[in-house]
């Protein structure tokens, strides 16, 4: 009788513990829920993640910088009225006179450095107009211009600011791509941690069911006098131990779900991932060939946001360097403009012309600007060299992680298979009275630990795949990844 009970218990426990719950085929079956895949997480990030949307505001900032820079070249409407009261020394008999003018003109600065104005002047009082008069002789066409011949010609601070602002939009795109890359990688790691936590909880739940079934059966055998009471105590202690571990596993799943919710935003707040849609681990992917790796490295060295950002910084520094070198030139300016001094009214409302030459003697400021720009250029060259080599190392590191994770999965799977065999053998020994509940529990614990290692190895493998996608810059501008995994 005792041997028969042991045989029944040995046959019962593996089925209840590791074969899973039997499907109810007596009633109507429903379709299983669609697995919650990593692609869906990434689509959620693209759609509503606040950090990515905040990075998108960089485009608005870039447009603002462009408008601000163009403001230096926009036409300006000027209306200027000036009056002067005086007594003419040439004809004191006329007494006090009040004369002046009202100018209406448009001024504008050209990006090449030329500044011009055009409009008309209305004389007030008895003023003479020697040049470009029209109407009844008290109106005048006014034209003016300022032309730098050396410093400021072709290259000037206003044009340099415009050229910098033109690079603001590409820089914004780069920052958006970098933010997207980093968010996708962090989300992938957290996603696989969440999947692994769900699988670990499932393992612990099944272990609890096995222990509870054994405790019930051993208690019945003890009541019948077939086993010692100490076996009941041992079985009960194992139930509480496994429940404790299962509670900790549930807390681990809840924690990973909270972390993953920070990547799933809806209506301005995080959303919990659907626990009923936890997927199985996808099948193992084929390793990329050497030609594929070389192509990915070459593409990543030119397409990764970190490298593109350095290229934009180099262009901005070239603008600063050109401006600094231009400031080393002497200032030689030509200017022609209507006379605006009130004392000229007596002589007439005419034009003035001038040539101005300025030669700084020491050029400390300009030479300092040139040295700073040259030093920045050298720094950017070294930084670009570092980034390109870092990208190659990132790709190699990801490949190493994939390869080692594959080896871990293989070894962990073999260890799990052998642990199952040992557990079954110990169960058979217990059924014939050659073992005890303690040794059966130890074998089952070893099986559970081995299965946990398989789950963790699979999670690390898929994290390594995500790291490779990040390393080659696959998430920077395209949703098609070189090691794309179908989560369905």
Protein backbone atom coordinates (compact mmCIF):
# COMPACT_ATOMS: atom_id res chain seq x y z
CA UNK A 1 0.00 0.00 0.00
CA UNK A 2 2.79 2.43 0.90
CA UNK A 3 4.76 1.64 -2.25
CA UNK A 4 1.65 2.19 -4.38
CA UNK A 5 1.05 5.59 -2.75
CA UNK A 6 4.65 6.61 -3.37
CA UNK A 7 4.37 5.59 -7.01
CA UNK A 8 1.20 7.62 -7.39
CA UNK A 9 2.78 10.67 -5.75
CA UNK A 10 5.89 10.43 -7.96
CA UNK A 11 3.73 10.24 -11.06
CA UNK A 12 1.47 13.05 -9.92
CA UNK A 13 3.95 15.74 -8.93
CA UNK A 14 5.80 16.32 -12.22
CA UNK A 15 2.51 16.52 -14.08
CA UNK A 16 1.07 19.07 -11.68
CA UNK A 17 4.28 21.03 -11.36
CA UNK A 18 6.04 21.29 -14.71
CA UNK A 19 3.59 20.11 -17.32
CA UNK A 20 1.46 23.18 -16.74
CA UNK A 21 -2.26 23.53 -16.35
CA UNK A 22 -4.29 21.31 -18.61
CA UNK A 23 -6.34 23.06 -21.26
CA UNK A 24 -10.07 23.00 -20.76
CA UNK A 25 -11.32 21.40 -23.95
CA UNK A 26 -14.78 20.67 -22.67
CA UNK A 27 -16.04 24.22 -23.15
CA UNK A 28 -15.66 26.88 -25.79
CA UNK A 29 -12.07 28.03 -26.25
CA UNK A 30 -11.16 31.67 -27.07
CA UNK A 31 -8.24 32.97 -29.05
CA UNK A 32 -5.17 33.88 -26.98
CA UNK A 33 -4.38 37.59 -26.66
CA UNK A 34 -1.93 39.11 -29.10
CA UNK A 35 1.55 39.20 -27.53
CA UNK A 36 2.76 42.60 -26.41
CA UNK A 37 5.85 42.94 -28.61
CA UNK A 38 8.87 45.22 -28.49
CA UNK A 39 7.79 46.85 -31.75
CA UNK A 40 4.62 48.01 -30.02
CA UNK A 41 6.66 49.51 -27.18
CA UNK A 42 8.81 51.41 -29.67
CA UNK A 43 5.75 52.60 -31.57
CA UNK A 44 4.33 53.84 -28.27
CA UNK A 45 7.53 55.81 -27.65
CA UNK A 46 7.40 57.39 -31.11
CA UNK A 47 3.81 58.34 -30.57
CA UNK A 48 3.70 59.83 -27.10
CA UNK A 49 6.88 59.70 -25.03
CA UNK A 50 7.42 63.13 -23.46
CA UNK A 51 11.22 63.08 -23.77
CA UNK A 52 11.00 62.40 -27.51
CA UNK A 53 8.31 65.02 -27.94
CA UNK A 54 10.46 67.41 -25.95
CA UNK A 55 13.35 66.70 -28.28
CA UNK A 56 11.00 67.47 -31.16
CA UNK A 57 10.65 70.97 -29.74
CA UNK A 58 14.24 71.48 -30.90
CA UNK A 59 12.80 71.97 -34.39
CA UNK A 60 10.73 74.88 -33.11
CA UNK A 61 13.77 76.35 -31.41
CA UNK A 62 15.76 75.99 -34.64
CA UNK A 63 13.09 77.89 -36.57
CA UNK A 64 13.19 80.59 -33.93
CA UNK A 65 16.96 80.93 -34.26
CA UNK A 66 16.64 81.21 -38.03
CA UNK A 67 14.05 83.96 -37.76
CA UNK A 68 16.15 85.74 -35.18
CA UNK A 69 19.20 85.66 -37.45
CA UNK A 70 17.22 86.84 -40.48
CA UNK A 71 15.98 89.77 -38.43
CA UNK A 72 19.35 91.46 -38.94
CA UNK A 73 18.64 91.70 -42.70
CA UNK A 74 15.00 92.68 -42.69
CA UNK A 75 14.10 96.10 -44.16
CA UNK A 76 13.34 98.87 -41.68
CA UNK A 77 10.98 101.75 -42.37
CA UNK A 78 12.32 105.00 -40.92
CA UNK A 79 10.50 108.32 -40.56
CA UNK A 80 12.69 111.09 -39.19
CA UNK A 81 11.76 114.74 -38.67
CA UNK A 82 14.35 117.36 -37.63
CA UNK A 83 13.96 121.12 -37.15
CA UNK A 84 16.50 123.87 -36.44
CA UNK A 85 15.98 127.47 -35.36
CA UNK A 86 18.86 129.85 -36.16
CA UNK A 87 19.83 133.36 -37.27
CA UNK A 88 21.78 133.38 -40.52
CA UNK A 89 25.13 135.16 -40.28
CA UNK A 90 25.01 135.84 -44.01
CA UNK A 91 21.67 137.68 -43.84
CA UNK A 92 20.89 138.76 -40.25
CA UNK A 93 18.02 140.83 -41.51
CA UNK A 94 15.87 137.77 -41.99
CA UNK A 95 15.83 137.26 -38.25
CA UNK A 96 15.13 133.89 -36.69
CA UNK A 97 14.47 131.09 -39.16
CA UNK A 98 12.96 127.62 -38.64
CA UNK A 99 13.93 125.03 -41.25
CA UNK A 100 14.29 121.29 -41.33
CA UNK A 101 13.22 118.15 -43.12
CA UNK A 102 11.11 115.03 -42.89
CA UNK A 103 12.73 111.83 -44.17
CA UNK A 104 10.83 108.67 -45.08
CA UNK A 105 13.12 105.86 -46.14
CA UNK A 106 13.76 102.13 -46.01
CA UNK A 107 17.05 100.78 -44.66
CA UNK A 108 18.37 97.23 -45.08
CA UNK A 109 21.55 95.25 -44.50
CA UNK A 110 22.69 92.76 -47.12
CA UNK A 111 24.32 89.48 -45.96
CA UNK A 112 27.47 90.40 -47.92
CA UNK A 113 27.98 93.40 -45.65
CA UNK A 114 26.56 96.19 -47.80
CA UNK A 115 24.04 98.44 -46.07
CA UNK A 116 21.78 100.71 -48.14
CA UNK A 117 18.85 103.06 -47.78
CA UNK A 118 16.38 104.69 -50.18
CA UNK A 119 13.48 107.11 -49.77
CA UNK A 120 12.49 110.75 -50.13
CA UNK A 121 12.89 113.94 -48.14
CA UNK A 122 10.41 116.75 -47.67
CA UNK A 123 12.07 120.07 -46.87
CA UNK A 124 10.51 122.24 -44.17
CA UNK A 125 11.00 125.99 -44.47
CA UNK A 126 13.37 127.81 -46.77
CA UNK A 127 15.95 125.10 -47.42
CA UNK A 128 17.94 124.64 -50.60
CA UNK A 129 18.26 121.18 -52.25
CA UNK A 130 21.28 120.88 -54.52
CA UNK A 131 20.97 117.17 -55.47
CA UNK A 132 18.17 114.93 -56.75
CA UNK A 133 15.34 117.34 -56.12
CA UNK A 134 11.88 116.85 -57.59
CA UNK A 135 8.39 118.22 -57.26
CA UNK A 136 8.33 121.96 -56.56
CA UNK A 137 11.97 122.02 -55.48
CA UNK A 138 11.43 121.25 -51.81
CA UNK A 139 11.47 117.44 -52.16
CA UNK A 140 14.51 115.22 -52.63
CA UNK A 141 15.32 111.60 -53.46
CA UNK A 142 17.64 110.28 -50.78
CA UNK A 143 19.96 107.34 -51.36
CA UNK A 144 22.63 106.03 -49.04
CA UNK A 145 25.09 103.20 -48.81
CA UNK A 146 27.81 101.68 -46.65
CA UNK A 147 30.34 99.30 -48.23
CA UNK A 148 33.12 97.52 -46.32
CA UNK A 149 36.06 96.82 -48.59
CA UNK A 150 38.13 94.61 -46.28
CA UNK A 151 36.80 93.63 -42.87
CA UNK A 152 33.12 92.72 -43.04
CA UNK A 153 32.95 92.12 -46.79
CA UNK A 154 31.45 88.67 -47.55
CA UNK A 155 32.06 87.67 -43.93
CA UNK A 156 30.51 89.58 -41.05
CA UNK A 157 28.95 88.82 -37.65
CA UNK A 158 25.38 89.02 -38.94
CA UNK A 159 25.99 86.61 -41.81
CA UNK A 160 27.93 84.28 -39.52
CA UNK A 161 24.94 84.17 -37.16
CA UNK A 162 22.67 83.39 -40.12
CA UNK A 163 24.93 80.52 -41.19
CA UNK A 164 24.94 79.15 -37.63
CA UNK A 165 21.16 79.33 -37.49
CA UNK A 166 20.95 77.33 -40.72
CA UNK A 167 22.71 74.50 -38.90
CA UNK A 168 20.24 74.60 -36.01
CA UNK A 169 17.69 72.49 -37.87
CA UNK A 170 20.14 69.65 -38.74
CA UNK A 171 21.40 69.75 -35.16
CA UNK A 172 17.81 69.43 -33.92
CA UNK A 173 17.29 66.37 -36.15
CA UNK A 174 20.46 64.83 -34.74
CA UNK A 175 19.37 65.41 -31.16
CA UNK A 176 15.98 63.88 -31.89
CA UNK A 177 17.68 60.84 -33.44
CA UNK A 178 20.01 60.48 -30.47
CA UNK A 179 17.13 60.73 -28.01
CA UNK A 180 15.17 58.15 -30.00
CA UNK A 181 18.12 55.78 -30.08
CA UNK A 182 18.69 56.01 -26.33
CA UNK A 183 14.99 55.64 -25.51
CA UNK A 184 14.62 52.61 -27.77
CA UNK A 185 17.64 50.91 -26.18
CA UNK A 186 16.50 51.64 -22.63
CA UNK A 187 12.98 50.48 -23.48
CA UNK A 188 14.28 47.24 -25.03
CA UNK A 189 16.34 46.42 -21.93
CA UNK A 190 13.43 47.18 -19.64
CA UNK A 191 11.01 45.25 -21.85
CA UNK A 192 13.08 42.07 -21.69
CA UNK A 193 13.52 42.50 -17.93
CA UNK A 194 9.73 42.65 -17.68
CA UNK A 195 9.27 39.55 -19.83
CA UNK A 196 11.90 37.68 -17.82
CA UNK A 197 10.25 38.71 -14.54
CA UNK A 198 6.91 37.34 -15.77
CA UNK A 199 8.55 34.04 -16.75
CA UNK A 200 10.34 33.80 -13.39
CA UNK A 201 7.06 34.33 -11.56
CA UNK A 202 5.48 31.58 -13.63
CA UNK A 203 8.32 29.22 -12.67
CA UNK A 204 7.87 30.00 -8.99
CA UNK A 205 4.09 29.58 -9.20
CA UNK A 206 4.47 26.12 -10.68
CA UNK A 207 6.95 25.21 -7.97
CA UNK A 208 4.42 26.30 -5.33
CA UNK A 209 1.72 24.13 -6.91
CA UNK A 210 4.06 21.13 -6.81
CA UNK A 211 4.88 21.72 -3.14
CA UNK A 212 1.21 22.22 -2.18
CA UNK A 213 0.13 19.02 -3.94
CA UNK A 214 2.92 17.08 -2.26
CA UNK A 215 2.01 18.49 1.15
CA UNK A 216 -1.63 17.40 0.71
CA UNK A 217 -0.68 13.90 -0.36
CA UNK A 218 1.97 13.42 2.34
CA UNK A 219 -0.51 14.62 4.95
CA UNK A 220 -3.00 12.01 3.78
CA UNK A 221 -0.32 9.32 3.90
CA UNK A 222 0.70 10.42 7.38
CA UNK A 223 -2.91 10.19 8.57
CA UNK A 224 -3.00 6.67 7.16
CA UNK A 225 0.23 5.84 9.02
CA UNK A 226 2.24 5.27 5.82
CA UNK A 227 4.83 8.01 6.41
CA UNK A 228 6.36 9.71 9.42
CA UNK A 229 5.04 13.00 10.76
CA UNK A 230 8.40 14.64 10.09
CA UNK A 231 7.74 14.26 6.38
CA UNK A 232 4.58 16.34 6.78
CA UNK A 233 6.57 19.05 8.55
CA UNK A 234 9.21 18.98 5.82
CA UNK A 235 6.59 19.24 3.07
CA UNK A 236 4.80 22.10 4.85
CA UNK A 237 8.05 24.01 5.37
CA UNK A 238 8.80 23.72 1.65
CA UNK A 239 5.36 25.13 0.78
CA UNK A 240 5.98 28.25 2.86
CA UNK A 241 9.49 28.61 1.49
CA UNK A 242 8.31 28.51 -2.12
CA UNK A 243 5.42 30.85 -1.41
CA UNK A 244 7.91 33.34 0.02
CA UNK A 245 10.03 33.11 -3.12
CA UNK A 246 6.92 33.46 -5.30
CA UNK A 247 5.89 36.62 -3.44
CA UNK A 248 9.35 38.09 -4.04
CA UNK A 249 9.05 37.12 -7.73
CA UNK A 250 5.67 38.85 -7.93
CA UNK A 251 7.20 41.98 -6.42
CA UNK A 252 9.97 41.76 -9.01
CA UNK A 253 7.41 41.61 -11.82
CA UNK A 254 5.49 44.57 -10.41
CA UNK A 255 8.70 46.58 -10.15
CA UNK A 256 9.68 45.83 -13.74
CA UNK A 257 6.16 46.71 -14.89
CA UNK A 258 6.38 50.09 -13.17
CA UNK A 259 9.71 50.74 -14.86
CA UNK A 260 8.37 49.72 -18.27
CA UNK A 261 5.33 51.97 -17.81
CA UNK A 262 7.67 54.99 -18.03
CA UNK A 263 8.04 54.16 -21.72
CA UNK A 264 4.29 53.73 -22.30
CA UNK A 265 2.64 57.13 -22.08
CA UNK A 266 -1.02 57.82 -22.76
CA UNK A 267 -2.92 61.02 -22.01
CA UNK A 268 0.09 62.53 -20.31
CA UNK A 269 0.76 59.74 -17.80
CA UNK A 270 2.49 56.32 -17.76
CA UNK A 271 0.45 53.21 -18.59
CA UNK A 272 0.99 49.78 -17.11
CA UNK A 273 1.95 47.06 -19.62
CA UNK A 274 -0.69 44.35 -20.16
CA UNK A 275 0.32 41.41 -17.99
CA UNK A 276 -2.01 39.08 -19.90
CA UNK A 277 -0.06 39.75 -23.12
CA UNK A 278 3.44 38.78 -21.97
CA UNK A 279 5.04 37.07 -24.98
CA UNK A 280 7.30 34.06 -25.14
CA UNK A 281 10.92 34.60 -26.00
CA UNK A 282 11.37 34.72 -29.80
CA UNK A 283 13.46 32.16 -31.59
CA UNK A 284 17.20 32.61 -31.83
CA UNK A 285 18.42 34.83 -34.64
CA UNK A 286 21.15 34.05 -37.13
CA UNK A 287 24.40 35.90 -36.51
CA UNK A 288 25.30 38.56 -39.11
CA UNK A 289 28.04 37.64 -41.55
CA UNK A 290 31.42 39.35 -41.63
CA UNK A 291 30.37 41.36 -44.68
CA UNK A 292 27.22 42.48 -42.89
CA UNK A 293 29.23 43.54 -39.86
CA UNK A 294 31.67 45.54 -41.99
CA UNK A 295 28.79 47.25 -43.78
CA UNK A 296 27.08 48.04 -40.49
CA UNK A 297 30.29 49.48 -39.04
CA UNK A 298 30.90 51.65 -42.07
CA UNK A 299 27.33 52.91 -42.02
CA UNK A 300 27.36 53.50 -38.27
CA UNK A 301 30.56 55.56 -38.47
CA UNK A 302 28.81 58.02 -40.74
CA UNK A 303 25.20 57.77 -39.56
CA UNK A 304 25.36 57.52 -35.76
CA UNK A 305 24.00 60.75 -34.19
CA UNK A 306 27.18 61.21 -32.14
CA UNK A 307 29.30 61.51 -35.31
CA UNK A 308 26.81 63.74 -37.11
CA UNK A 309 26.69 66.05 -34.12
CA UNK A 310 30.46 66.49 -34.28
CA UNK A 311 30.19 67.28 -38.00
CA UNK A 312 27.71 70.07 -37.27
CA UNK A 313 29.96 71.41 -34.51
CA UNK A 314 32.87 71.41 -36.96
CA UNK A 315 30.86 73.43 -39.49
CA UNK A 316 29.95 75.96 -36.80
CA UNK A 317 33.58 76.20 -35.77
CA UNK A 318 34.61 76.78 -39.39
CA UNK A 319 32.22 79.73 -39.49
CA UNK A 320 33.75 81.12 -36.29
CA UNK A 321 37.26 80.61 -37.67
CA UNK A 322 36.47 82.38 -40.94
CA UNK A 323 34.95 85.30 -39.01
CA UNK A 324 37.97 85.49 -36.70
CA UNK A 325 40.37 85.56 -39.66
CA UNK A 326 38.31 88.26 -41.34
CA UNK A 327 38.57 90.36 -38.19
CA UNK A 328 42.35 90.37 -38.64
CA UNK A 329 41.93 92.59 -41.72
CA UNK A 330 42.02 96.38 -41.48
CA UNK A 331 38.70 98.18 -41.58
CA UNK A 332 38.29 100.12 -44.84
CA UNK A 333 34.79 101.46 -45.41
CA UNK A 334 33.12 103.62 -48.04
CA UNK A 335 30.02 105.57 -47.09
CA UNK A 336 27.63 107.85 -48.96
CA UNK A 337 24.54 109.31 -47.29
CA UNK A 338 22.31 112.40 -47.23
CA UNK A 339 23.56 115.21 -45.02
CA UNK A 340 21.65 115.11 -41.76
CA UNK A 341 23.42 117.71 -39.63
CA UNK A 342 21.10 120.68 -38.86
CA UNK A 343 23.90 123.21 -39.48
CA UNK A 344 23.90 122.19 -43.13
CA UNK A 345 20.49 123.73 -43.70
CA UNK A 346 22.01 127.09 -44.46
CA UNK A 347 24.20 125.62 -47.16
CA UNK A 348 21.58 123.23 -48.47
CA UNK A 349 20.31 119.66 -48.03
CA UNK A 350 22.99 117.78 -49.90
CA UNK A 351 25.05 114.55 -49.59
CA UNK A 352 28.17 113.61 -47.72
CA UNK A 353 30.81 111.02 -48.77
CA UNK A 354 33.56 109.43 -46.74
CA UNK A 355 36.33 106.83 -46.64
CA UNK A 356 37.47 105.48 -43.28
CA UNK A 357 40.53 103.30 -42.59
CA UNK A 358 41.13 101.65 -39.19
CA UNK A 359 44.19 99.49 -38.53
CA UNK A 360 44.44 97.82 -35.09
CA UNK A 361 48.07 97.83 -34.05
CA UNK A 362 48.31 94.68 -31.88
CA UNK A 363 45.30 92.62 -33.05
CA UNK A 364 45.15 90.82 -29.70
CA UNK A 365 41.42 90.25 -29.77
CA UNK A 366 41.32 88.93 -33.34
CA UNK A 367 44.39 86.75 -32.89
CA UNK A 368 42.86 85.33 -29.71
CA UNK A 369 39.64 84.47 -31.56
CA UNK A 370 41.63 82.72 -34.29
CA UNK A 371 43.60 80.69 -31.75
CA UNK A 372 40.40 79.62 -29.98
CA UNK A 373 38.78 78.53 -33.23
CA UNK A 374 41.90 76.62 -34.32
CA UNK A 375 42.11 74.89 -30.95
CA UNK A 376 38.44 73.96 -31.16
CA UNK A 377 39.03 72.53 -34.64
CA UNK A 378 41.85 70.33 -33.34
CA UNK A 379 39.66 69.16 -30.47
CA UNK A 380 36.83 68.26 -32.84
CA UNK A 381 39.20 66.26 -35.07
CA UNK A 382 40.35 64.21 -32.10
CA UNK A 383 36.78 63.84 -30.83
CA UNK A 384 35.62 62.58 -34.21
CA UNK A 385 38.44 60.06 -34.32
CA UNK A 386 37.49 58.90 -30.84
CA UNK A 387 33.78 58.61 -31.69
CA UNK A 388 34.41 56.62 -34.85
CA UNK A 389 36.59 54.15 -32.99
CA UNK A 390 34.10 54.02 -30.14
CA UNK A 391 31.36 53.06 -32.60
CA UNK A 392 33.48 50.19 -33.91
CA UNK A 393 34.05 49.04 -30.33
CA UNK A 394 30.30 49.33 -29.60
CA UNK A 395 29.49 47.06 -32.55
CA UNK A 396 32.16 44.53 -31.55
CA UNK A 397 30.94 44.63 -27.96
CA UNK A 398 27.36 43.96 -29.06
CA UNK A 399 28.49 41.04 -31.22
CA UNK A 400 30.42 39.63 -28.28
CA UNK A 401 27.36 39.99 -26.06
CA UNK A 402 25.20 38.15 -28.60
CA UNK A 403 27.70 35.31 -28.98
CA UNK A 404 28.21 34.86 -25.23
CA UNK A 405 24.47 35.00 -24.59
CA UNK A 406 23.94 32.27 -27.19
CA UNK A 407 26.51 30.10 -25.45
CA UNK A 408 24.87 30.77 -22.09
CA UNK A 409 21.46 29.78 -23.46
CA UNK A 410 22.86 26.52 -24.77
CA UNK A 411 24.64 25.63 -21.55
CA UNK A 412 21.72 26.69 -19.36
CA UNK A 413 19.32 24.63 -21.46
CA UNK A 414 21.54 21.56 -21.12
CA UNK A 415 21.81 22.10 -17.38
CA UNK A 416 18.04 22.41 -17.11
CA UNK A 417 17.52 19.21 -19.09
CA UNK A 418 19.91 17.30 -16.86
CA UNK A 419 18.35 18.78 -13.71
CA UNK A 420 14.97 17.48 -14.87
CA UNK A 421 16.45 14.00 -15.33
CA UNK A 422 17.98 14.09 -11.86
CA UNK A 423 14.68 15.26 -10.38
CA UNK A 424 12.79 12.43 -12.05
CA UNK A 425 15.38 9.93 -10.83
CA UNK A 426 15.11 11.23 -7.28
CA UNK A 427 11.33 10.99 -7.52
CA UNK A 428 11.64 7.36 -8.55
CA UNK A 429 13.97 6.65 -5.62
CA UNK A 430 11.46 8.28 -3.29
CA UNK A 431 8.68 6.13 -4.75
CA UNK A 432 10.57 2.93 -3.87
CA UNK A 433 11.46 4.18 -0.39
CA UNK A 434 15.17 4.94 -1.09
CA UNK A 435 14.91 8.70 -0.63
CA UNK A 436 13.09 11.33 1.41
CA UNK A 437 11.00 14.43 0.93
CA UNK A 438 14.06 16.56 1.69
CA UNK A 439 16.08 15.18 -1.21
CA UNK A 440 13.12 15.45 -3.58
CA UNK A 441 12.72 19.10 -2.57
CA UNK A 442 16.43 19.75 -3.18
CA UNK A 443 16.25 18.22 -6.66
CA UNK A 444 13.20 20.32 -7.50
CA UNK A 445 14.92 23.45 -6.24
CA UNK A 446 17.85 22.67 -8.50
CA UNK A 447 15.47 22.28 -11.44
CA UNK A 448 13.82 25.61 -10.65
CA UNK A 449 17.21 27.33 -10.42
CA UNK A 450 18.26 25.83 -13.74
CA UNK A 451 15.08 27.01 -15.43
CA UNK A 452 15.62 30.49 -13.98
CA UNK A 453 19.09 30.56 -15.56
CA UNK A 454 17.55 29.66 -18.92
CA UNK A 455 15.09 32.55 -18.63
CA UNK A 456 17.82 35.00 -17.69
CA UNK A 457 20.10 33.82 -20.49
CA UNK A 458 17.30 34.34 -23.03
CA UNK A 459 16.65 37.83 -21.68
CA UNK A 460 20.34 38.70 -21.95
CA UNK A 461 20.42 37.38 -25.51
CA UNK A 462 17.60 39.65 -26.63
CA UNK A 463 19.14 42.58 -24.76
CA UNK A 464 22.31 41.94 -26.75
CA UNK A 465 20.32 42.06 -29.99
CA UNK A 466 18.92 45.42 -28.93
CA UNK A 467 22.42 46.64 -28.09
CA UNK A 468 23.56 45.70 -31.60
CA UNK A 469 20.71 47.63 -33.16
CA UNK A 470 21.66 50.67 -31.09
CA UNK A 471 25.37 50.30 -31.89
CA UNK A 472 24.83 50.35 -35.65
CA UNK A 473 22.44 53.32 -35.40
CA UNK A 474 19.46 51.37 -36.70
CA UNK A 475 16.96 53.30 -34.58
CA UNK A 476 18.26 56.75 -35.51
CA UNK A 477 16.29 57.23 -38.69
CA UNK A 478 14.61 54.03 -39.86
CA UNK A 479 12.28 51.46 -38.23
CA UNK A 480 13.89 48.64 -40.22
CA UNK A 481 16.57 47.12 -38.02
CA UNK A 482 19.48 44.95 -39.23
CA UNK A 483 18.64 42.31 -36.63
CA UNK A 484 14.92 42.87 -36.53
CA UNK A 485 13.04 40.34 -34.38
CA UNK A 486 9.45 39.47 -35.11
CA UNK A 487 7.72 39.52 -31.72
CA UNK A 488 4.52 37.87 -32.95
